[in-house]
Amino acid sequence: MPLPLILLSTQVHITIESSVVIEAAQFGIPSLVLNSNVILYGPNGENMPPYGGPSYFKTEREKGYVQVYAPGLNITGWITSQTKKDQLIDLEKNEKEWIKFMQDINTPYNIYLN
């Protein structure tokens, strides 16, 4: 199943360090990044922008779509406290592209626009 379809019915996203954080934010889904070192060193140990260090998920973190795990964080409590945020993409504004995408994967698009 294509990631955008999965994200349409997702409430929260938890990952070690996946770049799906970016797509989740586009759909208004908060993410919890479990590898706190990824913010310091990036996903592959890079510590220089754009792939590592403080630039990793910078936009998403600044806009409140990402929280980085810290020792003592109650993950169950984090999950239950999260609500969907404003989407960073406007599906209605981009309706033609959305419909074309859904037609390309042979999915009835109208059930996802409500």
Protein backbone atom coordinates (compact mmCIF):
# COMPACT_ATOMS: atom_id res chain seq x y z
CA MET A 1 0.00 0.00 0.00
CA PRO A 2 1.41 3.45 -0.86
CA LEU A 3 2.68 5.51 2.06
CA PRO A 4 0.27 8.44 1.49
CA LEU A 5 -2.69 6.10 1.90
CA ILE A 6 -1.28 4.68 5.12
CA LEU A 7 -0.65 8.17 6.47
CA LEU A 8 -4.25 9.19 5.81
CA SER A 9 -5.36 6.82 8.57
CA THR A 10 -2.37 7.23 10.91
CA GLN A 11 -2.57 9.12 14.21
CA VAL A 12 1.07 9.04 15.37
CA HIS A 13 4.40 7.94 13.91
CA ILE A 14 7.20 6.37 15.99
CA THR A 15 10.55 5.63 14.40
CA ILE A 16 14.19 5.05 15.18
CA GLU A 17 15.22 7.73 12.64
CA SER A 18 13.21 7.26 9.42
CA SER A 19 12.76 10.10 6.96
CA VAL A 20 9.04 9.21 6.94
CA VAL A 21 8.98 11.89 9.66
CA ILE A 22 8.92 14.39 6.78
CA GLU A 23 5.95 12.79 5.01
CA ALA A 24 4.12 12.31 8.31
CA ALA A 25 4.46 16.03 9.03
CA GLN A 26 3.05 16.82 5.59
CA PHE A 27 -0.07 14.90 6.64
CA GLY A 28 -0.20 16.53 10.10
CA ILE A 29 0.99 13.45 11.97
CA PRO A 30 3.28 13.93 14.97
CA SER A 31 6.41 11.76 15.12
CA LEU A 32 8.54 10.48 17.96
CA VAL A 33 12.18 9.84 17.01
CA LEU A 34 13.65 7.23 19.34
CA ASN A 35 17.31 7.73 18.40
CA SER A 36 18.22 10.97 20.14
CA ASN A 37 21.70 10.83 18.59
CA VAL A 38 20.23 11.32 15.12
CA ILE A 39 19.78 15.02 15.91
CA LEU A 40 23.47 15.29 16.79
CA TYR A 41 24.97 13.02 14.14
CA GLY A 42 22.37 12.32 11.47
CA PRO A 43 21.16 8.92 10.35
CA ASN A 44 24.54 7.65 9.18
CA GLY A 45 26.85 9.48 11.55
CA GLU A 46 27.08 12.65 9.47
CA ASN A 47 27.41 15.70 11.64
CA MET A 48 27.28 18.31 8.91
CA PRO A 49 24.17 19.73 7.23
CA PRO A 50 22.13 18.91 5.26
CA TYR A 51 22.15 15.24 6.28
CA GLY A 52 23.16 15.36 9.89
CA GLY A 53 23.56 17.36 12.98
CA PRO A 54 21.07 20.03 14.04
CA SER A 55 19.65 20.27 10.51
CA TYR A 56 18.14 16.77 10.61
CA PHE A 57 14.32 17.16 10.79
CA LYS A 58 14.96 20.81 11.68
CA THR A 59 11.84 22.21 9.97
CA GLU A 60 9.61 19.48 11.37
CA ARG A 61 11.06 19.93 14.88
CA GLU A 62 10.68 23.71 14.75
CA LYS A 63 7.04 23.40 13.68
CA GLY A 64 6.27 20.93 16.49
CA TYR A 65 5.77 17.82 14.38
CA VAL A 66 8.69 15.90 15.90
CA GLN A 67 9.74 15.09 19.41
CA VAL A 68 13.05 13.38 20.09
CA TYR A 69 12.99 10.69 22.74
CA ALA A 70 14.60 11.56 26.05
CA PRO A 71 15.19 9.09 28.88
CA GLY A 72 12.16 8.95 31.13
CA LEU A 73 9.64 9.86 28.43
CA ASN A 74 6.50 7.79 28.90
CA ILE A 75 5.88 6.64 25.32
CA THR A 76 2.35 5.45 26.05
CA GLY A 77 1.58 8.83 27.58
CA TRP A 78 3.12 10.57 24.56
CA ILE A 79 0.93 8.55 22.18
CA THR A 80 -2.28 9.30 24.05
CA SER A 81 -1.47 13.01 24.33
CA GLN A 82 -0.92 13.52 20.61
CA THR A 83 -3.47 14.95 18.23
CA LYS A 84 -3.21 15.46 14.51
CA LYS A 85 -1.81 18.85 13.60
CA ASP A 86 -2.42 21.03 10.57
CA GLN A 87 -1.23 19.36 7.39
CA LEU A 88 1.79 20.89 5.74
CA ILE A 89 0.21 20.07 2.38
CA ASP A 90 -3.25 21.09 1.24
CA LEU A 91 -4.93 18.09 -0.39
CA GLU A 92 -7.86 20.19 -1.59
CA LYS A 93 -5.58 22.82 -3.13
CA ASN A 94 -3.66 20.05 -4.86
CA GLU A 95 -6.78 18.05 -5.69
CA LYS A 96 -5.88 17.46 -9.38
CA GLU A 97 -2.50 15.94 -8.47
CA TRP A 98 -4.13 13.90 -5.70
CA ILE A 99 -6.81 12.53 -8.03
CA LYS A 100 -4.22 11.66 -10.66
CA PHE A 101 -2.12 9.87 -8.04
CA MET A 102 -5.10 7.89 -6.81
CA GLN A 103 -6.10 6.99 -10.38
CA ASP A 104 -2.54 5.90 -11.11
CA ILE A 105 -2.70 3.40 -8.28
CA ASN A 106 -6.29 2.42 -9.09
CA THR A 107 -7.78 3.60 -5.82
CA PRO A 108 -11.16 5.37 -5.56
CA TYR A 109 -9.94 8.86 -4.64
CA ASN A 110 -13.23 10.30 -3.41
CA ILE A 111 -13.21 8.25 -0.21
CA TYR A 112 -10.03 10.02 0.95
CA LEU A 113 -11.08 13.63 0.37
CA ASN A 114 -13.65 13.81 3.20
